[in-house]
Amino acid sequence: MVTANQEKPDARERLLAAALQVFATKGYGQASTREICQLAGVNVAGIHYHFGDKASLYRELFRIQDQFSDLPPELDDPNTTLEDGIAA
């Protein structure tokens, strides 16, 4: 039996993790919300419910990054691609 402390991350957290992976590998334009939801194990309406749309989900990934004090050096390099920046 799974207790509350052993539950997998909530849908919002799983969507963020899946989105980070998909955006990093495919870029924003090629990433599909259906793929992100499938990877997260969430209903296709999950992005709309938690974030509103794909663009808001994408922005949330950067808002979370802003909360960290030590950013990867790749983010200071103007030649870093979007995919490498997200992966960093």
N, C-alpha and C. Protein backbone atom coordinates (compact mmCIF):
# COMPACT_ATOMS: atom_id res chain seq x y z
N MET A 1 0.84 -1.18 0.00
CA MET A 1 0.00 0.00 0.00
C MET A 1 0.88 1.24 0.00
N VAL A 2 0.51 2.26 -0.78
CA VAL A 2 1.27 3.49 -0.88
C VAL A 2 0.74 4.49 0.13
N THR A 3 1.63 5.02 0.95
CA THR A 3 1.23 6.04 1.92
C THR A 3 1.40 7.41 1.29
N ALA A 4 0.89 8.42 1.97
CA ALA A 4 0.96 9.79 1.45
C ALA A 4 2.40 10.22 1.19
N ASN A 5 3.32 9.80 2.03
CA ASN A 5 4.72 10.19 1.86
C ASN A 5 5.40 9.47 0.70
N GLN A 6 4.80 8.38 0.22
CA GLN A 6 5.40 7.60 -0.85
C GLN A 6 4.76 7.89 -2.21
N GLU A 7 3.77 8.76 -2.26
CA GLU A 7 3.09 9.05 -3.51
C GLU A 7 4.06 9.68 -4.50
N LYS A 8 3.80 9.42 -5.78
CA LYS A 8 4.63 10.06 -6.79
C LYS A 8 4.29 11.55 -6.83
N PRO A 9 5.18 12.36 -7.40
CA PRO A 9 4.94 13.81 -7.42
C PRO A 9 3.58 14.12 -8.05
N ASP A 10 3.01 15.25 -7.64
CA ASP A 10 1.70 15.60 -8.16
C ASP A 10 1.78 15.92 -9.66
N ALA A 11 0.63 16.01 -10.27
CA ALA A 11 0.55 16.19 -11.72
C ALA A 11 1.29 17.44 -12.18
N ARG A 12 1.19 18.51 -11.42
CA ARG A 12 1.86 19.76 -11.80
C ARG A 12 3.38 19.57 -11.85
N GLU A 13 3.93 18.93 -10.85
CA GLU A 13 5.37 18.69 -10.80
C GLU A 13 5.80 17.75 -11.93
N ARG A 14 5.00 16.73 -12.19
CA ARG A 14 5.32 15.80 -13.28
C ARG A 14 5.26 16.52 -14.63
N LEU A 15 4.29 17.42 -14.80
CA LEU A 15 4.22 18.18 -16.04
C LEU A 15 5.44 19.07 -16.22
N LEU A 16 5.88 19.71 -15.15
CA LEU A 16 7.07 20.56 -15.23
C LEU A 16 8.31 19.75 -15.61
N ALA A 17 8.47 18.59 -14.98
CA ALA A 17 9.63 17.75 -15.28
C ALA A 17 9.57 17.24 -16.72
N ALA A 18 8.40 16.82 -17.16
CA ALA A 18 8.25 16.33 -18.54
C ALA A 18 8.47 17.46 -19.54
N ALA A 19 7.92 18.62 -19.25
CA ALA A 19 8.07 19.76 -20.15
C ALA A 19 9.54 20.16 -20.28
N LEU A 20 10.25 20.16 -19.18
CA LEU A 20 11.67 20.49 -19.22
C LEU A 20 12.41 19.54 -20.14
N GLN A 21 12.11 18.27 -20.02
CA GLN A 21 12.76 17.26 -20.85
C GLN A 21 12.40 17.44 -22.33
N VAL A 22 11.13 17.60 -22.62
CA VAL A 22 10.69 17.72 -24.02
C VAL A 22 11.18 19.02 -24.64
N PHE A 23 11.06 20.14 -23.93
CA PHE A 23 11.54 21.42 -24.48
C PHE A 23 13.05 21.38 -24.70
N ALA A 24 13.78 20.75 -23.80
CA ALA A 24 15.24 20.69 -23.93
C ALA A 24 15.66 19.86 -25.13
N THR A 25 14.93 18.82 -25.44
CA THR A 25 15.32 17.96 -26.55
C THR A 25 14.74 18.38 -27.89
N LYS A 26 13.55 18.97 -27.88
CA LYS A 26 12.89 19.30 -29.14
C LYS A 26 12.76 20.79 -29.41
N GLY A 27 12.94 21.60 -28.38
CA GLY A 27 12.71 23.03 -28.54
C GLY A 27 11.22 23.33 -28.40
N TYR A 28 10.92 24.59 -28.19
CA TYR A 28 9.53 24.99 -27.95
C TYR A 28 8.62 24.67 -29.13
N GLY A 29 9.05 25.01 -30.32
CA GLY A 29 8.21 24.85 -31.50
C GLY A 29 7.86 23.41 -31.82
N GLN A 30 8.76 22.50 -31.59
CA GLN A 30 8.53 21.09 -31.92
C GLN A 30 7.93 20.29 -30.76
N ALA A 31 7.90 20.87 -29.58
CA ALA A 31 7.33 20.19 -28.42
C ALA A 31 5.81 20.20 -28.53
N SER A 32 5.21 19.05 -28.26
CA SER A 32 3.74 19.02 -28.27
C SER A 32 3.21 18.84 -26.86
N THR A 33 2.09 19.47 -26.59
CA THR A 33 1.48 19.33 -25.27
C THR A 33 1.04 17.89 -25.04
N ARG A 34 0.62 17.22 -26.09
CA ARG A 34 0.21 15.82 -25.98
C ARG A 34 1.40 14.96 -25.51
N GLU A 35 2.57 15.19 -26.09
CA GLU A 35 3.76 14.43 -25.70
C GLU A 35 4.15 14.72 -24.25
N ILE A 36 4.08 15.98 -23.87
CA ILE A 36 4.42 16.36 -22.49
C ILE A 36 3.48 15.67 -21.51
N CYS A 37 2.18 15.70 -21.80
CA CYS A 37 1.20 15.07 -20.92
C CYS A 37 1.40 13.56 -20.86
N GLN A 38 1.69 12.96 -21.99
CA GLN A 38 1.90 11.51 -22.03
C GLN A 38 3.11 11.13 -21.18
N LEU A 39 4.21 11.88 -21.33
CA LEU A 39 5.42 11.61 -20.56
C LEU A 39 5.17 11.80 -19.06
N ALA A 40 4.35 12.77 -18.71
CA ALA A 40 4.04 13.06 -17.31
C ALA A 40 3.00 12.11 -16.73
N GLY A 41 2.32 11.35 -17.60
CA GLY A 41 1.27 10.47 -17.13
C GLY A 41 0.04 11.24 -16.67
N VAL A 42 -0.24 12.32 -17.40
CA VAL A 42 -1.34 13.23 -17.04
C VAL A 42 -2.30 13.33 -18.22
N ASN A 43 -3.57 13.51 -17.94
CA ASN A 43 -4.58 13.72 -18.98
C ASN A 43 -4.19 14.91 -19.84
N VAL A 44 -4.55 14.87 -21.12
CA VAL A 44 -4.15 15.95 -22.05
C VAL A 44 -4.70 17.31 -21.63
N ALA A 45 -5.69 17.35 -20.78
CA ALA A 45 -6.21 18.62 -20.28
C ALA A 45 -5.37 19.16 -19.12
N GLY A 46 -4.39 18.39 -18.68
CA GLY A 46 -3.59 18.77 -17.52
C GLY A 46 -2.85 20.08 -17.67
N ILE A 47 -2.30 20.33 -18.85
CA ILE A 47 -1.57 21.59 -19.06
C ILE A 47 -2.53 22.76 -18.95
N HIS A 48 -3.69 22.63 -19.56
CA HIS A 48 -4.68 23.71 -19.47
C HIS A 48 -5.10 23.95 -18.02
N TYR A 49 -5.34 22.87 -17.30
CA TYR A 49 -5.79 22.99 -15.91
C TYR A 49 -4.74 23.66 -15.03
N HIS A 50 -3.47 23.25 -15.15
CA HIS A 50 -2.42 23.74 -14.25
C HIS A 50 -1.74 25.02 -14.73
N PHE A 51 -1.67 25.23 -16.05
CA PHE A 51 -0.88 26.35 -16.56
C PHE A 51 -1.63 27.25 -17.53
N GLY A 52 -2.69 26.79 -18.12
CA GLY A 52 -3.44 27.59 -19.08
C GLY A 52 -3.14 27.18 -20.51
N ASP A 53 -1.85 27.19 -20.87
CA ASP A 53 -1.45 26.81 -22.22
C ASP A 53 0.04 26.47 -22.26
N LYS A 54 0.50 26.07 -23.43
CA LYS A 54 1.89 25.66 -23.61
C LYS A 54 2.85 26.81 -23.28
N ALA A 55 2.52 28.01 -23.72
CA ALA A 55 3.40 29.16 -23.47
C ALA A 55 3.54 29.45 -21.97
N SER A 56 2.45 29.34 -21.24
CA SER A 56 2.51 29.57 -19.80
C SER A 56 3.31 28.49 -19.08
N LEU A 57 3.19 27.27 -19.54
CA LEU A 57 4.01 26.17 -19.00
C LEU A 57 5.48 26.46 -19.24
N TYR A 58 5.81 26.89 -20.45
CA TYR A 58 7.18 27.21 -20.81
C TYR A 58 7.72 28.34 -19.92
N ARG A 59 6.94 29.40 -19.75
CA ARG A 59 7.35 30.52 -18.90
C ARG A 59 7.56 30.07 -17.46
N GLU A 60 6.74 29.16 -16.99
CA GLU A 60 6.87 28.67 -15.61
C GLU A 60 8.22 27.99 -15.39
N LEU A 61 8.73 27.33 -16.39
CA LEU A 61 10.05 26.70 -16.26
C LEU A 61 11.12 27.74 -16.00
N PHE A 62 11.00 28.90 -16.62
CA PHE A 62 11.99 29.96 -16.39
C PHE A 62 11.74 30.68 -15.07
N ARG A 63 10.50 30.78 -14.65
CA ARG A 63 10.20 31.40 -13.36
C ARG A 63 10.81 30.58 -12.24
N ILE A 64 10.73 29.28 -12.35
CA ILE A 64 11.34 28.40 -11.35
C ILE A 64 12.85 28.58 -11.35
N GLN A 65 13.43 28.67 -12.54
CA GLN A 65 14.88 28.85 -12.66
C GLN A 65 15.33 30.15 -11.99
N ASP A 66 14.51 31.20 -12.07
CA ASP A 66 14.86 32.48 -11.45
C ASP A 66 14.96 32.39 -9.94
N GLN A 67 14.40 31.37 -9.34
CA GLN A 67 14.43 31.23 -7.89
C GLN A 67 15.76 30.67 -7.39
N PHE A 68 16.59 30.16 -8.29
CA PHE A 68 17.88 29.63 -7.89
C PHE A 68 18.92 30.74 -7.89
N SER A 69 19.81 30.71 -6.92
CA SER A 69 20.82 31.76 -6.84
C SER A 69 22.04 31.47 -7.72
N ASP A 70 22.41 30.21 -7.87
CA ASP A 70 23.57 29.85 -8.67
C ASP A 70 23.12 29.29 -10.02
N LEU A 71 23.15 30.13 -11.03
CA LEU A 71 22.73 29.69 -12.35
C LEU A 71 23.89 29.04 -13.09
N PRO A 72 23.62 28.09 -13.93
CA PRO A 72 24.70 27.47 -14.70
C PRO A 72 25.39 28.48 -15.60
N PRO A 73 26.70 28.37 -15.79
CA PRO A 73 27.43 29.34 -16.61
C PRO A 73 26.95 29.37 -18.06
N GLU A 74 26.35 28.29 -18.53
CA GLU A 74 25.84 28.26 -19.91
C GLU A 74 24.81 29.37 -20.16
N LEU A 75 24.10 29.75 -19.10
CA LEU A 75 23.06 30.77 -19.26
C LEU A 75 23.64 32.17 -19.44
N ASP A 76 24.91 32.35 -19.09
CA ASP A 76 25.57 33.64 -19.31
C ASP A 76 26.23 33.73 -20.67
N ASP A 77 26.32 32.61 -21.37
CA ASP A 77 26.97 32.57 -22.68
C ASP A 77 25.94 32.89 -23.77
N PRO A 78 26.12 33.99 -24.50
CA PRO A 78 25.14 34.35 -25.53
C PRO A 78 25.09 33.35 -26.68
N ASN A 79 26.06 32.47 -26.79
CA ASN A 79 26.06 31.48 -27.87
C ASN A 79 25.37 30.17 -27.48
N THR A 80 24.88 30.08 -26.25
CA THR A 80 24.19 28.88 -25.80
C THR A 80 22.84 28.80 -26.49
N THR A 81 22.54 27.64 -27.04
CA THR A 81 21.25 27.45 -27.69
C THR A 81 20.15 27.35 -26.64
N LEU A 82 18.91 27.54 -27.08
CA LEU A 82 17.79 27.41 -26.18
C LEU A 82 17.76 26.04 -25.53
N GLU A 83 17.95 25.00 -26.33
CA GLU A 83 17.92 23.64 -25.81
C GLU A 83 19.01 23.41 -24.78
N ASP A 84 20.23 23.92 -25.04
CA ASP A 84 21.32 23.75 -24.08
C ASP A 84 21.05 24.56 -22.80
N GLY A 85 20.45 25.72 -22.97
CA GLY A 85 20.11 26.54 -21.80
C GLY A 85 19.09 25.88 -20.91
N ILE A 86 18.07 25.30 -21.50
CA ILE A 86 17.05 24.60 -20.73
C ILE A 86 17.65 23.37 -20.06
N ALA A 87 18.48 22.64 -20.78
CA ALA A 87 19.10 21.44 -20.23
C ALA A 87 20.03 21.79 -19.06
N ALA A 88 20.69 22.94 -19.15
CA ALA A 88 21.61 23.34 -18.09
C ALA A 88 20.85 23.61 -16.80
